[in-house]
Amino acid sequence: MVQKETMLVAADNSGAKFLRVIGIPKKGQARFATVGDIVSVAVHGADPNGIVADHAKEIAVVVRVAKEVRRRDGSYVRFDDNAGVVIDKAGEPKGSRVLGPIAREVRERGYKRIASLAQEVW
């Protein structure tokens, strides 16, 4: 689970290194987001030659969470870190690569482009 002020690792090559969650839009008064949810983020530590600028406000999709997520079949999946992929308003990733594994729930939520770019889908 990811809440406000959580630091996410950038799981793409958009130029961002870390993403700080500053809001969880479209979930009403929800206090946390999980795999496949959209979050508003602030970029921390960006590459000067990257697509996104340092301290810029962006939107991202959460692709990995350290807290276990229960699936419909009763199994649980968890990862070593919290990670996100920076996306544009159309839902397409800004980077051209997705690094590390991502959860299957991301593909089920409709982010097929992110799933196809990922090295591995769990």
N, C-alpha and C. Protein backbone atom coordinates (compact mmCIF):
# COMPACT_ATOMS: atom_id res chain seq x y z
N MET A 1 0.84 -1.17 0.00
CA MET A 1 0.00 0.00 0.00
C MET A 1 0.89 1.24 0.00
N VAL A 2 0.45 2.21 -0.73
CA VAL A 2 1.21 3.45 -0.89
C VAL A 2 0.31 4.59 -0.45
N GLN A 3 0.83 5.46 0.39
CA GLN A 3 0.07 6.61 0.84
C GLN A 3 0.82 7.89 0.50
N LYS A 4 0.28 9.03 0.89
CA LYS A 4 0.95 10.30 0.63
C LYS A 4 2.31 10.31 1.30
N GLU A 5 3.27 10.97 0.64
CA GLU A 5 4.65 11.12 1.10
C GLU A 5 5.49 9.85 0.93
N THR A 6 4.93 8.78 0.38
CA THR A 6 5.70 7.57 0.11
C THR A 6 6.65 7.83 -1.05
N MET A 7 7.88 7.35 -0.93
CA MET A 7 8.85 7.45 -2.02
C MET A 7 8.79 6.18 -2.86
N LEU A 8 8.58 6.34 -4.16
CA LEU A 8 8.59 5.23 -5.10
C LEU A 8 9.88 5.26 -5.90
N VAL A 9 10.36 4.10 -6.26
CA VAL A 9 11.48 4.00 -7.19
C VAL A 9 10.91 4.12 -8.59
N ALA A 10 11.54 4.90 -9.45
CA ALA A 10 11.08 5.02 -10.83
C ALA A 10 11.48 3.74 -11.58
N ALA A 11 10.50 3.01 -12.08
CA ALA A 11 10.75 1.73 -12.74
C ALA A 11 10.79 1.88 -14.25
N ASP A 12 11.19 3.05 -14.74
CA ASP A 12 11.29 3.27 -16.18
C ASP A 12 12.50 4.14 -16.48
N ASN A 13 12.72 4.42 -17.75
CA ASN A 13 13.87 5.23 -18.14
C ASN A 13 13.44 6.64 -18.55
N SER A 14 12.45 7.19 -17.86
CA SER A 14 11.98 8.55 -18.15
C SER A 14 12.94 9.61 -17.65
N GLY A 15 13.90 9.24 -16.84
CA GLY A 15 14.86 10.18 -16.30
C GLY A 15 14.70 10.41 -14.81
N ALA A 16 13.56 10.05 -14.25
CA ALA A 16 13.33 10.20 -12.81
C ALA A 16 14.03 9.07 -12.07
N LYS A 17 14.51 9.38 -10.87
CA LYS A 17 15.11 8.35 -10.03
C LYS A 17 14.15 7.93 -8.93
N PHE A 18 13.54 8.91 -8.28
CA PHE A 18 12.57 8.65 -7.22
C PHE A 18 11.33 9.50 -7.45
N LEU A 19 10.19 9.01 -6.98
CA LEU A 19 8.92 9.70 -7.12
C LEU A 19 8.26 9.77 -5.74
N ARG A 20 7.93 10.98 -5.29
CA ARG A 20 7.24 11.13 -4.01
C ARG A 20 5.74 11.30 -4.28
N VAL A 21 4.92 10.47 -3.65
CA VAL A 21 3.47 10.53 -3.84
C VAL A 21 2.94 11.79 -3.15
N ILE A 22 2.23 12.63 -3.93
CA ILE A 22 1.66 13.85 -3.36
C ILE A 22 0.14 13.83 -3.38
N GLY A 23 -0.45 12.82 -4.01
CA GLY A 23 -1.91 12.72 -4.04
C GLY A 23 -2.36 11.43 -4.68
N ILE A 24 -3.60 11.06 -4.37
CA ILE A 24 -4.20 9.86 -4.95
C ILE A 24 -5.51 10.28 -5.59
N PRO A 25 -5.49 10.71 -6.85
CA PRO A 25 -6.72 11.19 -7.49
C PRO A 25 -7.66 10.06 -7.86
N LYS A 26 -8.92 10.41 -8.07
CA LYS A 26 -9.95 9.49 -8.56
C LYS A 26 -10.28 8.36 -7.60
N LYS A 27 -9.92 8.50 -6.34
CA LYS A 27 -10.28 7.49 -5.36
C LYS A 27 -11.05 8.10 -4.20
N GLY A 28 -11.57 9.31 -4.40
CA GLY A 28 -12.34 9.96 -3.34
C GLY A 28 -11.46 10.29 -2.15
N GLN A 29 -11.87 9.84 -1.00
CA GLN A 29 -11.11 10.10 0.22
C GLN A 29 -10.17 8.94 0.56
N ALA A 30 -9.82 8.13 -0.42
CA ALA A 30 -8.94 6.99 -0.17
C ALA A 30 -7.61 7.48 0.38
N ARG A 31 -7.08 6.75 1.33
CA ARG A 31 -5.84 7.15 1.97
C ARG A 31 -4.63 6.39 1.43
N PHE A 32 -4.88 5.38 0.61
CA PHE A 32 -3.76 4.63 0.08
C PHE A 32 -4.07 4.13 -1.33
N ALA A 33 -3.02 3.80 -2.05
CA ALA A 33 -3.14 3.23 -3.39
C ALA A 33 -2.40 1.90 -3.40
N THR A 34 -2.76 1.04 -4.31
CA THR A 34 -2.10 -0.24 -4.44
C THR A 34 -1.71 -0.45 -5.90
N VAL A 35 -1.32 -1.65 -6.24
CA VAL A 35 -0.82 -1.95 -7.58
C VAL A 35 -1.88 -1.63 -8.63
N GLY A 36 -1.49 -0.88 -9.67
CA GLY A 36 -2.39 -0.53 -10.75
C GLY A 36 -3.11 0.78 -10.58
N ASP A 37 -2.96 1.43 -9.42
CA ASP A 37 -3.62 2.71 -9.18
C ASP A 37 -2.78 3.86 -9.70
N ILE A 38 -3.45 4.95 -10.06
CA ILE A 38 -2.78 6.17 -10.50
C ILE A 38 -2.53 7.05 -9.29
N VAL A 39 -1.34 7.64 -9.21
CA VAL A 39 -1.00 8.57 -8.14
C VAL A 39 -0.35 9.81 -8.74
N SER A 40 -0.53 10.95 -8.08
CA SER A 40 0.20 12.17 -8.44
C SER A 40 1.53 12.13 -7.72
N VAL A 41 2.59 12.45 -8.43
CA VAL A 41 3.93 12.36 -7.84
C VAL A 41 4.74 13.61 -8.14
N ALA A 42 5.75 13.82 -7.31
CA ALA A 42 6.75 14.85 -7.55
C ALA A 42 8.06 14.12 -7.82
N VAL A 43 8.76 14.52 -8.86
CA VAL A 43 10.00 13.86 -9.25
C VAL A 43 11.13 14.33 -8.35
N HIS A 44 11.90 13.38 -7.81
CA HIS A 44 13.06 13.70 -6.99
C HIS A 44 14.28 13.04 -7.61
N GLY A 45 15.28 13.84 -7.91
CA GLY A 45 16.52 13.30 -8.46
C GLY A 45 16.39 12.87 -9.90
N ALA A 46 16.14 13.80 -10.80
CA ALA A 46 15.98 13.46 -12.21
C ALA A 46 17.29 13.62 -12.97
N ASP A 47 17.45 12.84 -14.01
CA ASP A 47 18.58 12.95 -14.91
C ASP A 47 18.41 14.23 -15.73
N PRO A 48 19.44 15.07 -15.85
CA PRO A 48 19.28 16.32 -16.61
C PRO A 48 18.94 16.11 -18.08
N ASN A 49 19.29 14.96 -18.64
CA ASN A 49 18.98 14.67 -20.04
C ASN A 49 17.71 13.84 -20.20
N GLY A 50 16.97 13.64 -19.12
CA GLY A 50 15.78 12.80 -19.16
C GLY A 50 14.56 13.54 -19.67
N ILE A 51 13.48 12.80 -19.78
CA ILE A 51 12.22 13.34 -20.29
C ILE A 51 11.53 14.20 -19.24
N VAL A 52 11.61 13.80 -17.98
CA VAL A 52 10.96 14.56 -16.90
C VAL A 52 12.00 15.41 -16.18
N ALA A 53 11.55 16.54 -15.66
CA ALA A 53 12.44 17.46 -14.96
C ALA A 53 12.40 17.21 -13.46
N ASP A 54 13.47 17.58 -12.79
CA ASP A 54 13.54 17.44 -11.34
C ASP A 54 12.50 18.35 -10.69
N HIS A 55 11.82 17.86 -9.67
CA HIS A 55 10.78 18.57 -8.92
C HIS A 55 9.51 18.82 -9.74
N ALA A 56 9.37 18.18 -10.88
CA ALA A 56 8.17 18.36 -11.70
C ALA A 56 7.03 17.51 -11.14
N LYS A 57 5.81 17.99 -11.33
CA LYS A 57 4.62 17.25 -10.92
C LYS A 57 4.19 16.38 -12.09
N GLU A 58 4.05 15.08 -11.86
CA GLU A 58 3.68 14.12 -12.89
C GLU A 58 2.61 13.18 -12.34
N ILE A 59 2.11 12.30 -13.21
CA ILE A 59 1.24 11.23 -12.75
C ILE A 59 1.94 9.91 -13.05
N ALA A 60 1.69 8.92 -12.21
CA ALA A 60 2.37 7.63 -12.34
C ALA A 60 1.42 6.51 -11.98
N VAL A 61 1.77 5.31 -12.44
CA VAL A 61 1.04 4.10 -12.09
C VAL A 61 1.92 3.30 -11.15
N VAL A 62 1.35 2.83 -10.06
CA VAL A 62 2.09 1.99 -9.11
C VAL A 62 2.19 0.60 -9.72
N VAL A 63 3.42 0.09 -9.88
CA VAL A 63 3.61 -1.22 -10.50
C VAL A 63 4.13 -2.28 -9.53
N ARG A 64 4.72 -1.85 -8.41
CA ARG A 64 5.20 -2.79 -7.38
C ARG A 64 4.95 -2.19 -6.01
N VAL A 65 4.54 -3.02 -5.06
CA VAL A 65 4.40 -2.58 -3.68
C VAL A 65 5.02 -3.63 -2.76
N ALA A 66 5.61 -3.17 -1.67
CA ALA A 66 6.24 -4.07 -0.72
C ALA A 66 5.20 -4.81 0.13
N LYS A 67 4.05 -4.19 0.35
CA LYS A 67 2.98 -4.84 1.12
C LYS A 67 2.30 -5.88 0.23
N GLU A 68 2.04 -7.07 0.78
CA GLU A 68 1.45 -8.13 -0.02
C GLU A 68 0.05 -7.75 -0.51
N VAL A 69 -0.25 -8.19 -1.73
CA VAL A 69 -1.54 -7.93 -2.36
C VAL A 69 -2.23 -9.27 -2.56
N ARG A 70 -3.47 -9.38 -2.11
CA ARG A 70 -4.21 -10.63 -2.23
C ARG A 70 -4.86 -10.69 -3.61
N ARG A 71 -4.73 -11.86 -4.23
CA ARG A 71 -5.35 -12.09 -5.53
C ARG A 71 -6.62 -12.90 -5.36
N ARG A 72 -7.44 -12.96 -6.41
CA ARG A 72 -8.73 -13.64 -6.32
C ARG A 72 -8.60 -15.13 -6.04
N ASP A 73 -7.50 -15.73 -6.48
CA ASP A 73 -7.32 -17.17 -6.25
C ASP A 73 -6.82 -17.48 -4.84
N GLY A 74 -6.65 -16.45 -4.02
CA GLY A 74 -6.22 -16.65 -2.64
C GLY A 74 -4.73 -16.51 -2.42
N SER A 75 -3.97 -16.39 -3.49
CA SER A 75 -2.52 -16.23 -3.35
C SER A 75 -2.18 -14.77 -3.07
N TYR A 76 -0.97 -14.56 -2.60
CA TYR A 76 -0.49 -13.22 -2.31
C TYR A 76 0.78 -12.97 -3.10
N VAL A 77 0.99 -11.72 -3.48
CA VAL A 77 2.22 -11.34 -4.16
C VAL A 77 2.76 -10.08 -3.51
N ARG A 78 4.07 -10.03 -3.34
CA ARG A 78 4.71 -8.82 -2.80
C ARG A 78 6.08 -8.68 -3.45
N PHE A 79 6.62 -7.47 -3.37
CA PHE A 79 7.89 -7.17 -4.01
C PHE A 79 8.84 -6.56 -2.98
N ASP A 80 10.07 -6.35 -3.39
CA ASP A 80 11.09 -5.81 -2.48
C ASP A 80 10.98 -4.31 -2.29
N ASP A 81 10.32 -3.62 -3.22
CA ASP A 81 10.27 -2.16 -3.14
C ASP A 81 8.93 -1.64 -3.63
N ASN A 82 8.73 -0.35 -3.47
CA ASN A 82 7.57 0.34 -4.03
C ASN A 82 8.06 1.05 -5.29
N ALA A 83 7.40 0.82 -6.42
CA ALA A 83 7.87 1.40 -7.67
C ALA A 83 6.70 1.89 -8.51
N GLY A 84 7.00 2.86 -9.37
CA GLY A 84 5.98 3.42 -10.25
C GLY A 84 6.55 3.76 -11.62
N VAL A 85 5.66 3.89 -12.59
CA VAL A 85 6.03 4.25 -13.96
C VAL A 85 5.33 5.56 -14.29
N VAL A 86 6.09 6.55 -14.75
CA VAL A 86 5.53 7.86 -15.11
C VAL A 86 4.76 7.71 -16.42
N ILE A 87 3.51 8.24 -16.44
CA ILE A 87 2.67 8.14 -17.63
C ILE A 87 2.20 9.53 -18.05
N ASP A 88 1.70 9.61 -19.30
CA ASP A 88 1.12 10.87 -19.77
C ASP A 88 -0.40 10.82 -19.55
N LYS A 89 -1.09 11.84 -20.03
CA LYS A 89 -2.54 11.91 -19.79
C LYS A 89 -3.31 10.81 -20.50
N ALA A 90 -2.75 10.26 -21.57
CA ALA A 90 -3.41 9.18 -22.30
C ALA A 90 -3.17 7.81 -21.66
N GLY A 91 -2.33 7.75 -20.64
CA GLY A 91 -2.03 6.50 -19.97
C GLY A 91 -0.86 5.75 -20.55
N GLU A 92 -0.14 6.36 -21.48
CA GLU A 92 1.03 5.73 -22.08
C GLU A 92 2.28 6.09 -21.27
N PRO A 93 3.23 5.17 -21.13
CA PRO A 93 4.44 5.49 -20.37
C PRO A 93 5.30 6.53 -21.09
N LYS A 94 5.92 7.42 -20.32
CA LYS A 94 6.79 8.44 -20.92
C LYS A 94 8.13 7.85 -21.32
N GLY A 95 8.58 6.83 -20.61
CA GLY A 95 9.83 6.17 -20.95
C GLY A 95 9.61 5.09 -22.00
N SER A 96 10.72 4.57 -22.53
CA SER A 96 10.62 3.53 -23.55
C SER A 96 10.96 2.15 -22.99
N ARG A 97 11.32 2.07 -21.71
CA ARG A 97 11.62 0.79 -21.08
C ARG A 97 11.00 0.76 -19.69
N VAL A 98 10.62 -0.43 -19.25
CA VAL A 98 10.15 -0.63 -17.88
C VAL A 98 11.11 -1.61 -17.24
N LEU A 99 11.68 -1.21 -16.11
CA LEU A 99 12.72 -1.99 -15.46
C LEU A 99 12.15 -2.84 -14.33
N GLY A 100 12.61 -4.08 -14.24
CA GLY A 100 12.18 -4.95 -13.17
C GLY A 100 10.82 -5.58 -13.42
N PRO A 101 10.43 -6.49 -12.52
CA PRO A 101 9.12 -7.14 -12.68
C PRO A 101 7.99 -6.19 -12.30
N ILE A 102 6.81 -6.45 -12.85
CA ILE A 102 5.61 -5.69 -12.46
C ILE A 102 4.52 -6.70 -12.10
N ALA A 103 3.53 -6.24 -11.37
CA ALA A 103 2.44 -7.12 -10.96
C ALA A 103 1.46 -7.32 -12.12
N ARG A 104 0.84 -8.47 -12.15
CA ARG A 104 -0.14 -8.81 -13.18
C ARG A 104 -1.34 -7.87 -13.15
N GLU A 105 -1.64 -7.31 -11.97
CA GLU A 105 -2.78 -6.42 -11.82
C GLU A 105 -2.65 -5.16 -12.68
N VAL A 106 -1.43 -4.77 -13.02
CA VAL A 106 -1.23 -3.60 -13.88
C VAL A 106 -1.81 -3.87 -15.26
N ARG A 107 -1.55 -5.04 -15.81
CA ARG A 107 -2.10 -5.40 -17.11
C ARG A 107 -3.62 -5.54 -17.05
N GLU A 108 -4.13 -6.10 -15.96
CA GLU A 108 -5.57 -6.27 -15.81
C GLU A 108 -6.30 -4.94 -15.69
N ARG A 109 -5.62 -3.90 -15.22
CA ARG A 109 -6.22 -2.57 -15.09
C ARG A 109 -6.22 -1.81 -16.41
N GLY A 110 -5.62 -2.38 -17.46
CA GLY A 110 -5.68 -1.76 -18.78
C GLY A 110 -4.40 -1.11 -19.25
N TYR A 111 -3.31 -1.26 -18.52
CA TYR A 111 -2.03 -0.67 -18.93
C TYR A 111 -1.22 -1.71 -19.70
N LYS A 112 -1.72 -2.08 -20.87
CA LYS A 112 -1.10 -3.14 -21.65
C LYS A 112 0.27 -2.72 -22.20
N ARG A 113 0.44 -1.44 -22.49
CA ARG A 113 1.73 -0.97 -23.01
C ARG A 113 2.81 -1.12 -21.94
N ILE A 114 2.49 -0.81 -20.71
CA ILE A 114 3.46 -0.97 -19.62
C ILE A 114 3.79 -2.44 -19.45
N ALA A 115 2.79 -3.30 -19.51
CA ALA A 115 3.02 -4.74 -19.35
C ALA A 115 3.87 -5.29 -20.49
N SER A 116 3.68 -4.79 -21.70
CA SER A 116 4.46 -5.30 -22.83
C SER A 116 5.91 -4.83 -22.77
N LEU A 117 6.16 -3.67 -22.16
CA LEU A 117 7.53 -3.17 -22.04
C LEU A 117 8.27 -3.78 -20.86
N ALA A 118 7.55 -4.38 -19.92
CA ALA A 118 8.17 -4.90 -18.70
C ALA A 118 9.02 -6.13 -18.99
N GLN A 119 10.05 -6.29 -18.18
CA GLN A 119 10.91 -7.46 -18.33
C GLN A 119 10.18 -8.73 -17.92
N GLU A 120 9.36 -8.61 -16.88
CA GLU A 120 8.65 -9.77 -16.36
C GLU A 120 7.35 -9.32 -15.71
N VAL A 121 6.29 -10.10 -15.92
CA VAL A 121 5.00 -9.81 -15.30
C VAL A 121 4.70 -10.93 -14.32
N TRP A 122 4.53 -10.59 -13.03
CA TRP A 122 4.27 -11.58 -11.98
C TRP A 122 2.81 -11.71 -11.75
